[in-house]
Structures are given as C-alpha cells and as structure tokens.
Protein backbone atom coordinates (compact mmCIF):
# COMPACT_ATOMS: atom_id res chain seq x y z
CA MET A 1 103.61 177.34 169.11
CA ILE A 2 107.17 178.65 169.51
CA GLU A 3 109.67 176.88 167.27
CA LEU A 4 113.31 176.94 168.38
CA GLU A 5 115.25 175.59 165.45
CA GLY A 6 119.00 175.41 166.01
CA VAL A 7 118.77 175.55 169.81
CA PRO A 8 119.98 172.23 171.27
CA GLU A 9 118.84 170.44 174.41
CA LEU A 10 119.90 172.60 177.34
CA VAL A 11 121.59 171.50 180.56
CA ASP A 12 120.01 172.71 183.83
CA PRO A 13 118.85 175.92 182.11
CA VAL A 14 118.17 179.08 184.09
CA MET A 15 116.61 182.18 182.54
CA VAL A 16 118.20 185.49 183.63
CA ALA A 17 116.32 188.63 182.61
CA ALA A 18 116.63 192.41 182.99
CA PHE A 19 114.81 195.34 181.42
CA GLU A 20 115.80 198.95 180.89
CA GLY A 21 113.53 201.62 182.28
CA TRP A 22 111.61 201.99 185.52
CA ASN A 23 113.16 198.89 187.12
CA ASP A 24 116.76 199.70 186.19
CA ALA A 25 118.27 202.55 188.21
CA GLY A 26 121.72 203.41 186.93
CA ASP A 27 121.24 200.79 184.17
CA ALA A 28 122.71 198.37 186.73
CA ALA A 29 120.52 195.33 185.94
CA SER A 30 120.47 195.54 182.13
CA THR A 31 124.24 196.09 182.16
CA ALA A 32 124.67 192.95 184.28
CA VAL A 33 122.83 190.80 181.70
CA GLY A 34 124.75 192.52 178.92
CA HIS A 35 127.98 191.63 180.72
CA LEU A 36 126.99 187.94 180.85
CA GLU A 37 126.13 187.96 177.16
CA ARG A 38 129.41 189.65 176.25
CA GLU A 39 131.69 187.53 178.46
CA TRP A 40 130.15 184.25 177.32
CA LYS A 41 129.66 185.41 173.72
CA GLY A 42 125.94 184.83 173.59
CA GLU A 43 124.22 185.07 170.23
CA VAL A 44 120.61 186.15 169.88
CA PHE A 45 118.27 183.34 168.82
CA ALA A 46 114.92 185.14 169.16
CA ALA A 47 113.43 188.64 169.43
CA LEU A 48 109.92 189.71 170.35
CA ASP A 49 107.97 191.70 167.77
CA ALA A 50 108.47 195.36 168.65
CA GLU A 51 105.10 196.31 167.11
CA ASP A 52 103.27 194.30 169.77
CA TYR A 53 104.74 195.81 172.92
CA TYR A 54 106.38 199.21 172.37
CA ASP A 55 105.21 202.78 171.90
CA PHE A 56 107.76 204.18 169.49
CA GLN A 57 107.14 207.74 170.69
CA VAL A 58 108.34 206.63 174.13
CA ASN A 59 111.09 204.24 173.04
CA ARG A 60 112.19 205.56 169.68
CA PRO A 61 113.95 203.43 167.05
CA GLN A 62 117.58 204.24 166.31
CA MET A 63 119.08 205.01 162.89
CA TRP A 64 122.62 203.88 162.11
CA LEU A 65 124.96 203.36 159.17
CA ASP A 66 126.36 199.99 158.13
CA ASP A 67 129.02 200.53 155.43
CA GLY A 68 127.11 203.58 154.27
CA VAL A 69 123.73 201.81 154.29
CA ARG A 70 121.13 203.31 156.64
CA LYS A 71 119.51 200.79 158.98
CA VAL A 72 117.00 200.93 161.82
CA THR A 73 117.20 199.22 165.19
CA TRP A 74 113.78 198.83 166.79
CA PRO A 75 113.36 198.74 170.56
CA THR A 76 112.55 195.20 171.62
CA THR A 77 113.48 192.30 173.89
CA ARG A 78 115.97 189.70 172.69
CA LEU A 79 116.87 186.22 173.94
CA SER A 80 120.23 184.45 173.73
CA VAL A 81 121.62 181.18 175.07
CA VAL A 82 125.11 180.65 176.47
CA ARG A 83 126.71 177.45 177.66
CA ILE A 84 129.04 177.56 180.65
CA ASP A 85 131.39 174.61 180.19
CA ASP A 86 132.66 174.66 183.77
CA SER A 87 130.04 176.48 185.82
CA ASP A 88 131.25 175.47 189.30
CA GLY A 89 134.94 174.62 188.92
CA LYS A 90 134.15 170.90 188.87
CA GLY A 91 133.52 170.45 185.17
CA ARG A 92 129.72 170.70 185.41
CA PRO A 93 128.22 172.47 182.36
CA ARG A 94 125.16 174.67 182.59
CA ASP A 95 123.14 176.82 180.21
CA LEU A 96 121.78 180.31 180.74
CA VAL A 97 118.94 181.82 178.72
CA LEU A 98 119.56 185.58 178.76
CA VAL A 99 116.63 187.96 178.27
CA ARG A 100 117.54 191.60 177.74
CA GLY A 101 115.30 194.38 176.56
CA ILE A 102 113.28 197.48 177.37
CA GLU A 103 110.29 197.52 179.66
CA PRO A 104 107.30 197.17 177.31
CA SER A 105 104.87 200.04 176.86
CA MET A 106 101.74 197.88 176.51
CA ARG A 107 100.27 194.34 176.62
CA TRP A 108 102.29 193.22 179.62
CA ARG A 109 100.33 190.00 180.12
CA SER A 110 100.92 188.93 176.53
CA PHE A 111 104.56 189.95 176.85
CA CYS A 112 105.05 187.77 179.93
CA ASN A 113 103.22 184.84 178.33
CA GLU A 114 105.51 185.03 175.31
CA VAL A 115 108.65 185.08 177.47
CA LEU A 116 107.27 182.14 179.48
CA GLY A 117 106.51 180.31 176.25
CA PHE A 118 110.23 180.38 175.47
CA ALA A 119 111.00 179.25 179.02
CA HIS A 120 108.58 176.31 178.59
CA GLU A 121 110.03 175.19 175.27
CA LEU A 122 113.60 175.41 176.56
CA GLY A 123 112.85 173.51 179.79
CA VAL A 124 113.90 176.42 182.02
CA GLU A 125 114.05 175.36 185.68
CA LEU A 126 114.29 178.78 187.31
CA VAL A 127 113.74 182.41 186.25
CA VAL A 128 115.91 185.12 187.83
CA VAL A 129 114.86 188.71 187.10
CA MET A 130 117.25 191.47 188.09
CA GLY A 131 116.37 195.06 188.88
CA ALA A 132 117.75 198.19 190.54
CA LEU A 133 116.05 200.92 192.52
CA LEU A 134 116.94 204.31 193.96
CA GLY A 135 117.50 204.25 197.71
CA ASP A 136 119.07 205.99 200.68
CA THR A 137 122.30 204.05 200.48
CA PRO A 138 125.74 205.70 200.61
CA HIS A 139 128.02 205.10 197.65
CA THR A 140 130.91 204.41 200.03
CA ARG A 141 129.38 201.20 201.38
CA PRO A 142 128.78 197.82 199.72
CA VAL A 143 125.69 197.85 197.50
CA PRO A 144 122.71 196.17 199.19
CA VAL A 145 121.18 193.44 197.03
CA THR A 146 117.88 191.92 198.14
CA GLY A 147 116.67 188.54 196.89
CA MET A 148 112.88 188.03 196.71
CA THR A 149 110.39 185.37 195.70
CA SER A 150 106.64 184.82 195.95
CA ASP A 151 107.14 181.12 196.62
CA PRO A 152 107.37 180.36 200.37
CA ASP A 153 109.18 177.04 199.77
CA LEU A 154 111.70 178.69 197.46
CA ALA A 155 112.22 181.50 199.97
CA ARG A 156 113.06 178.93 202.64
CA THR A 157 115.33 176.69 200.55
CA MET A 158 117.25 179.54 198.90
CA ASN A 159 117.35 181.85 201.93
CA LEU A 160 115.39 184.63 200.23
CA GLU A 161 112.78 187.10 201.42
CA GLU A 162 109.18 186.22 200.69
CA SER A 163 107.69 189.10 198.74
CA ARG A 164 104.95 191.02 200.53
CA TYR A 165 105.26 194.24 198.58
CA GLU A 166 102.14 196.28 197.85
CA GLY A 167 102.25 199.20 195.46
CA PRO A 168 103.08 200.23 191.88
CA THR A 169 105.25 197.73 190.09
CA GLY A 170 107.16 197.35 186.85
CA ILE A 171 107.71 194.53 184.40
CA VAL A 172 110.07 192.81 186.87
CA GLY A 173 107.27 192.36 189.39
CA ILE A 174 104.72 191.39 186.73
CA LEU A 175 107.01 188.77 185.16
CA GLN A 176 107.84 187.28 188.53
CA GLU A 177 104.15 186.93 189.41
CA ALA A 178 103.38 185.52 185.95
CA CYS A 179 106.04 182.86 186.54
CA THR A 180 104.51 181.99 189.91
CA HIS A 181 101.03 181.58 188.39
CA ALA A 182 102.51 179.42 185.60
CA GLY A 183 104.27 177.16 188.09
CA VAL A 184 107.77 178.30 187.14
CA PRO A 185 110.03 179.08 190.15
CA ALA A 186 111.06 182.73 189.99
CA VAL A 187 113.40 184.99 191.97
CA SER A 188 114.11 188.70 191.71
CA LEU A 189 117.37 190.37 192.75
CA TRP A 190 117.26 194.10 193.55
CA ALA A 191 120.28 196.38 193.91
CA SER A 192 119.90 199.67 195.79
CA VAL A 193 121.49 202.60 193.92
CA PRO A 194 122.30 205.90 195.71
CA HIS A 195 119.60 208.36 194.68
CA TYR A 196 122.04 211.29 194.67
CA VAL A 197 124.17 209.67 191.97
CA SER A 198 121.57 207.88 189.88
CA GLN A 199 122.98 208.59 186.41
CA PRO A 200 124.12 205.50 184.50
CA PRO A 201 126.34 203.64 184.43
CA ASN A 202 126.79 202.28 187.94
CA PRO A 203 129.40 199.49 187.69
CA LYS A 204 129.44 199.02 191.45
CA ALA A 205 125.76 198.06 191.49
CA THR A 206 126.22 195.87 188.41
CA LEU A 207 129.08 194.06 190.15
CA ALA A 208 126.97 193.53 193.27
CA LEU A 209 124.15 191.96 191.22
CA LEU A 210 126.57 189.60 189.46
CA ASN A 211 128.14 188.58 192.77
CA ARG A 212 124.71 187.80 194.17
CA LEU A 213 123.82 185.82 191.05
CA GLU A 214 127.01 183.81 191.53
CA ASP A 215 125.95 182.90 195.05
CA LEU A 216 122.37 182.14 194.05
CA LEU A 217 123.24 179.78 191.19
CA ASP A 218 126.64 178.57 192.42
CA LEU A 219 128.30 179.91 189.27
CA ARG A 220 131.70 181.41 188.54
CA ILE A 221 131.17 184.56 186.48
CA PRO A 222 134.15 186.20 184.73
CA LEU A 223 134.07 189.82 185.85
CA GLY A 224 136.52 191.31 183.38
CA GLU A 225 137.14 195.00 184.08
CA LEU A 226 134.07 195.47 186.28
CA PRO A 227 135.94 195.51 189.63
CA GLU A 228 138.31 198.21 188.35
CA ASP A 229 135.40 200.17 186.86
CA ALA A 230 133.60 199.99 190.20
CA ARG A 231 136.63 201.35 192.05
CA ALA A 232 137.05 204.17 189.53
CA TRP A 233 133.34 205.01 189.82
CA GLN A 234 133.56 205.26 193.61
CA ILE A 235 136.68 207.44 193.47
CA GLY A 236 134.93 209.76 191.03
CA VAL A 237 131.85 210.08 193.25
CA ASP A 238 134.10 210.64 196.28
CA GLN A 239 135.69 213.58 194.50
CA LEU A 240 132.36 215.08 193.50
CA ALA A 241 130.95 214.71 197.02
CA ALA A 242 134.06 216.32 198.54
CA GLU A 243 133.49 219.44 196.44
CA ASP A 244 130.06 220.10 198.00
CA THR A 245 129.87 220.45 201.78
CA GLU A 246 126.14 219.72 201.95
CA VAL A 247 126.48 216.57 199.88
CA ALA A 248 129.45 215.41 201.97
CA GLU A 249 127.46 215.92 205.18
CA TYR A 250 124.48 214.09 203.73
CA VAL A 251 126.64 211.14 202.66
CA GLN A 252 128.13 211.04 206.16
CA SER A 253 124.65 210.89 207.68
CA LEU A 254 123.76 207.99 205.39
CA GLU A 255 126.97 206.20 206.38
CA GLU A 256 126.21 206.60 210.06
CA ALA A 257 122.65 205.35 209.62
CA ARG A 258 123.84 202.39 207.57
CA ASP A 259 126.62 201.44 209.98
CA THR A 260 124.33 201.72 212.99
CA ALA A 261 121.68 199.57 211.35
CA GLU A 262 124.17 196.92 210.27
CA LEU A 263 126.24 196.72 213.43
CA PRO A 264 124.21 193.85 214.92
CA GLU A 265 123.98 192.24 211.48
CA ALA A 266 127.73 192.01 210.83
CA SER A 267 127.55 188.23 210.89
CA GLY A 268 130.15 185.70 209.91
CA GLU A 269 127.80 184.47 207.16
CA ALA A 270 128.49 187.46 204.90
CA ILE A 271 132.23 187.21 205.53
CA ALA A 272 132.15 183.48 204.78
CA LYS A 273 130.37 184.09 201.44
CA GLU A 274 132.95 186.64 200.40
CA PHE A 275 135.77 184.29 201.35
CA GLU A 276 134.20 181.41 199.41
CA ARG A 277 133.93 183.61 196.34
CA TYR A 278 137.59 184.57 196.71
CA LEU A 279 138.61 180.91 196.96
CA ARG A 280 136.65 179.98 193.85
CA ARG A 281 138.46 182.63 191.84
CA ARG A 282 141.90 181.90 193.31
CA ASP A 283 141.77 178.13 192.86
CA ASP A 284 140.01 177.80 189.55
CA GLY A 285 140.12 181.14 187.81
CA PRO A 286 137.13 182.65 186.00
CA GLY A 287 134.57 180.34 184.46
CA THR A 288 134.77 179.77 180.74
CA GLY A 289 131.93 179.36 178.34
CA HIS A 290 130.86 179.65 174.76
CA ALA A 291 127.75 180.62 172.93
CA THR A 292 125.30 177.89 172.09
CA GLU A 293 125.04 178.40 168.36
CA SER A 294 123.34 175.63 166.43
CA GLY A 295 123.23 174.57 168.96
CA GLU A 296 124.80 181.07 198.02
CA SER A 297 122.80 183.30 199.35
CA GLY A 298 121.43 179.88 200.15
CA PRO A 299 121.96 176.55 198.44
CA PRO A 300 121.74 176.69 194.63
CA TYR A 301 118.35 175.83 193.18
CA VAL A 302 118.10 172.13 192.36
CA ARG A 303 114.83 170.60 191.17
CA GLU A 304 113.86 167.29 192.78
CA PRO A 305 114.67 164.30 190.55
CA GLY A 306 111.76 163.51 188.31
CA GLY A 307 109.96 166.72 189.23
CA ALA A 308 108.06 168.77 186.69
CA GLY A 309 110.27 171.04 184.70
CA THR A 310 113.53 169.16 185.34
CA ALA A 311 115.85 169.38 182.40
CA GLY A 312 117.76 166.24 181.62
CA GLY A 313 121.47 166.11 180.97
CA PRO A 314 122.97 165.58 177.56
CA GLY A 315 120.84 163.14 175.63
CA GLY A 316 117.98 163.41 178.10
CA GLY A 317 114.53 164.84 177.48
CA ARG A 318 112.88 167.90 178.92
CA SER A 319 110.06 167.75 181.40
CA ARG A 320 108.49 171.15 180.96
CA PRO A 321 106.43 173.26 183.32
CA ALA A 322 102.83 173.92 182.43
CA ARG A 323 102.26 176.58 179.80
CA PRO A 324 101.47 180.01 181.21
CA ARG A 325 97.89 181.19 181.27
CA ALA A 326 96.83 184.72 180.48
CA GLY A 327 94.93 186.26 183.33
CA ASP A 328 94.18 189.45 185.08
CA ASP A 329 95.96 188.23 188.19
CA ALA A 330 99.40 188.13 186.60
CA GLY A 331 100.34 191.51 188.03
CA ALA A 332 101.54 192.51 191.43
CA ALA A 333 98.74 194.17 193.38
CA GLY A 334 98.88 196.73 196.08
CA ARG A 335 99.47 200.22 197.12
CA ALA A 336 102.41 202.53 197.71
CA ARG A 337 102.55 205.48 200.02
CA ARG A 338 104.63 208.57 199.42
CA GLY A 339 105.73 210.53 202.45
CA GLU A 340 106.63 214.18 202.30
CA GLY A 341 110.03 214.86 203.81
CA ASP A 342 113.46 216.35 203.35
CA ALA A 343 116.90 214.88 203.66
CA GLY A 344 116.85 215.43 207.39
CA ASP A 345 113.86 213.11 207.68
CA ALA A 346 115.45 210.44 205.54
CA GLY A 347 116.12 207.25 207.46
CA ALA A 348 117.48 203.90 206.55
CA GLU A 349 115.47 200.84 207.34
CA ALA A 350 117.48 197.62 207.55
CA ALA A 351 115.99 194.51 205.97
CA ASP A 352 116.43 191.01 207.44
CA GLY A 353 119.62 189.06 206.84
CA ASN A 354 120.12 189.23 203.08
CA ALA A 355 123.82 190.05 203.05
CA ASP A 356 125.76 190.63 199.89
CA GLY A 357 129.26 192.00 199.64
CA ASP A 358 130.93 193.90 196.88
CA ALA A 359 133.76 191.66 195.63
CA ARG A 360 136.35 194.24 196.60
CA GLN A 361 134.61 195.96 199.47
CA ASP A 362 133.93 195.09 203.07
CA ALA A 363 131.58 192.13 203.34
CA ALA A 364 128.36 192.06 205.34
CA ASP A 365 125.95 194.46 203.71
CA GLY A 366 122.34 193.67 204.56
CA PRO A 367 119.62 195.23 202.44
CA GLU A 368 118.73 198.74 203.39
CA GLY A 369 115.37 200.40 203.21
CA ALA A 370 114.41 203.52 201.38
CA SER A 371 114.04 207.04 202.67
CA GLY A 372 111.23 208.94 204.24
CA GLU A 373 108.64 207.93 206.80
CA SER A 374 108.49 204.18 206.68
CA GLY A 375 105.41 202.28 207.80
CA THR A 376 105.13 198.67 208.70
CA ASP A 377 104.36 197.80 205.09
CA GLY A 378 107.81 198.90 203.97
CA THR A 379 106.82 201.88 201.84
CA ALA A 380 109.09 204.84 201.42
CA GLY A 381 108.91 208.60 201.20
CA GLU A 382 110.55 211.15 198.96
CA ASP A 383 114.20 211.94 199.20
CA ALA A 384 115.76 215.37 199.44
CA ALA A 385 115.93 215.75 195.68
CA GLY A 386 112.20 215.16 195.29
CA ARG A 387 112.58 211.60 193.96
CA THR A 388 110.50 208.90 195.52
CA ASP A 389 112.59 205.89 196.32
CA GLY A 390 111.41 202.37 195.68
CA PRO A 391 109.91 200.62 198.67
CA SER A 392 112.12 198.61 200.90
CA GLY A 393 110.80 195.47 202.47
CA SER A 394 109.19 192.84 200.30
CA GLU A 395 109.65 193.78 196.65
CA PRO A 396 111.63 196.94 196.02
CA GLU A 397 110.38 199.09 193.19
CA SER A 398 111.97 202.33 192.02
CA GLU A 399 109.65 205.32 192.28
CA GLY A 400 112.30 207.89 191.39
CA ARG A 401 111.58 207.73 187.72
CA GLU A 402 108.20 209.04 186.64
CA ASP A 403 108.57 210.63 183.25
CA GLY A 404 108.83 207.43 181.20
CA GLY A 405 111.43 206.77 178.56
CA ASP A 406 114.84 207.92 179.68
CA GLY A 407 113.44 209.22 182.93
CA GLY A 408 112.76 205.62 183.89
CA LYS A 409 116.43 205.07 184.40
CA GLY A 410 116.57 207.26 187.43
C-alpha cells in the first residue's frame, strides 16, 4: 500500500513522465519534464528505491559536496506534484504529477506497477509519457512530434495515431502498455531529433514537446528562455553545417525530402493551432502555478462524468482506476528490421496528419519517418553514420543508442 502523506486531493490530475536513456535522444524529453518542474517549482514527494531497479555499474551514483560534507546521489526515479492555478486562462486549476528519472536497468514490470500504484492513489486520469528518437529530420525545419496511444477510442477523441509498432522498445513503450492493461488512459509523445546532431541538449526538440503537451492538455506552459535557446541552438548547428560541404549537402537533401513530403500536408489545421497558441500567450500571458507542498492536437482529455478514475474537484473524492496487475504481457511486442544503407539511400517517410509547429518556426510539420529502406510496418534502416534510427509509423523507438548508459542518449 502506497501512503501519500502531505499530498492533498488533486484536481483533474495528469501524470507526465520522461526517462533518460534509450528513449531520450538529445535529452529532449527528460529536459521537458525538468522544465515543468522548475517553472512550476515542483517539490519531490516520492522516490523509487534505486536498489530495486538500477545497475550501478551502468548508471553510477554521483558524489558531491554539501558545505564540505560528502554526499551521494543515487540514480532513481522521482515524483513531484505541481498545481497550475490558471491552467487555461479561465481560472481553472489543474494538477500535474511529474515523473522524472532514468530508464531502469531491471524489473521493468515491477517498476511500472509501482509508478501506476502512485497514479492510482493520486486519482490520475491520464498518463502522458514523452520520448525522443533519432531520425532523418533536418535541424532547419520544425521538429516533428508524433502522438501515439494503444487505445482506439482515445486515438479517435484526441486525434492521435493508434500504435501499431513492432520491435524493440524502451521503458516508454512498456509503461504505456502497462497503463493500457491497467485501464489507465495513456499517450506517448515522440520528438524526432536529427541524427547528425544528437548530442544533448536539444532545446528545439524540448520546446516542440512542450508545445505539443500544451495542445494535448489545453494548458499554458511558461517557456522561459527555451525559445531563445532553441534559436541559438539552430544558429550554432547552421554554422557547423556550413563548415562541412558534405554535411551541408546532406542537410539540403533532407530539407528537400521533408518539404516534398509535407507539401500536400500543409493544412490550415497546423497554422490554426500555432495561431491559437499565440493568442493564448498574447491575451493571458504565461500560466502561473505553485508547488503542491503539504499539500489540441485534438480536444483535451476529459473523462465522462461519473466514469471510473474521474478526480473530483476541491472537496470531492477520487474514483480511482483499477490497480495494475503484474503480467508478462505488459511489454510492447514485436520485431524491428535494420536495413543496410548509406546517406544516399536515406529517405523520409511522412506520417499521417499529426502536425506540430515549433513556437517560433513555420507551422505545419507532420511527423516524419526514419531513414533507410522502409517497409509497410514502418521500420527503419541505418543512417549514414551507422546509427539505426527509431522506427517511424506507430510507436517510434530510438535505435541509435546501443551501448547503454550514456550511449542511450544518442
């Protein structure tokens, strides 16, 4: 039984999670959750036992000094709660449960059950897991962000892709499937990071994930210095690319492939979303929030009145989803193909109508597929640098990081 002393009744709570490692190219996803925690001053209320889930030879503890006293920080996953006083510009409060950590080394089913235990006790209505993968996307274009779910009804109501991915997966895919089996609605958001500039940080991809989260939950997220950081990042990559003729030509080929694929997709829907986001910020300014201490891609998720798992307003009770069950079927099954190819064989495969614009870039950027010979199942081949991009299509997963530990960050 998980006891949550000091955590008050939450209002329309949504759990937002991200994990460093294989699912986090350019540290884009974990940085996005860290940004939410920092901007809304979240304070940690729980941490998973590091001994249960981490191999300390892979994710080593860190030594540091606190006023001359040596201390150790163990790799783990921590949870915090923030309250957004005015989440939509109309005075409606909402709570976010933020989960930030490192992809566990072992006991993934137990790990997911423990996270879902917190979700159950807090009355979480929806779980959003963010990730980032390496892909054949040019850094000069808006970052493609794909929204996925295993729930056909949720895919239809929230205008998301229904996941049909088959192949190797990370903790993002496992947690999403565990939520589905436990009856908790779950969505994953995937940003595509240019494989030729995969080193963290990538503020442009982080910004794209936060913009998509805004649309998904109908929130107003204070962005702070992220837009300026994203512009500086792109200028820096522009300068590096200009110094190498081969890289510049390769980027140009990616731009042409992207523009050709998106030409028919340049719909008014993406432009309208960007304009709505602009109006929210102009009219109301950034959302404000505070930590809870003792206490549209499509339409935002709203649970039917009286439905299981609906969290009541202030003074109301929680109706919780069923507790998660441990089982061998919690993982994402399947297969992934790797194609052999060079940069000349790399092609971009456009996904269906999930458009997300960078807040300061041109709107209308549909998800783009990965490189290599793509089959009908959406798998991807290796890029010119020998990294295998995550599959496009149903559930993107980053294959460009194989050596574990730091290598998992692309």
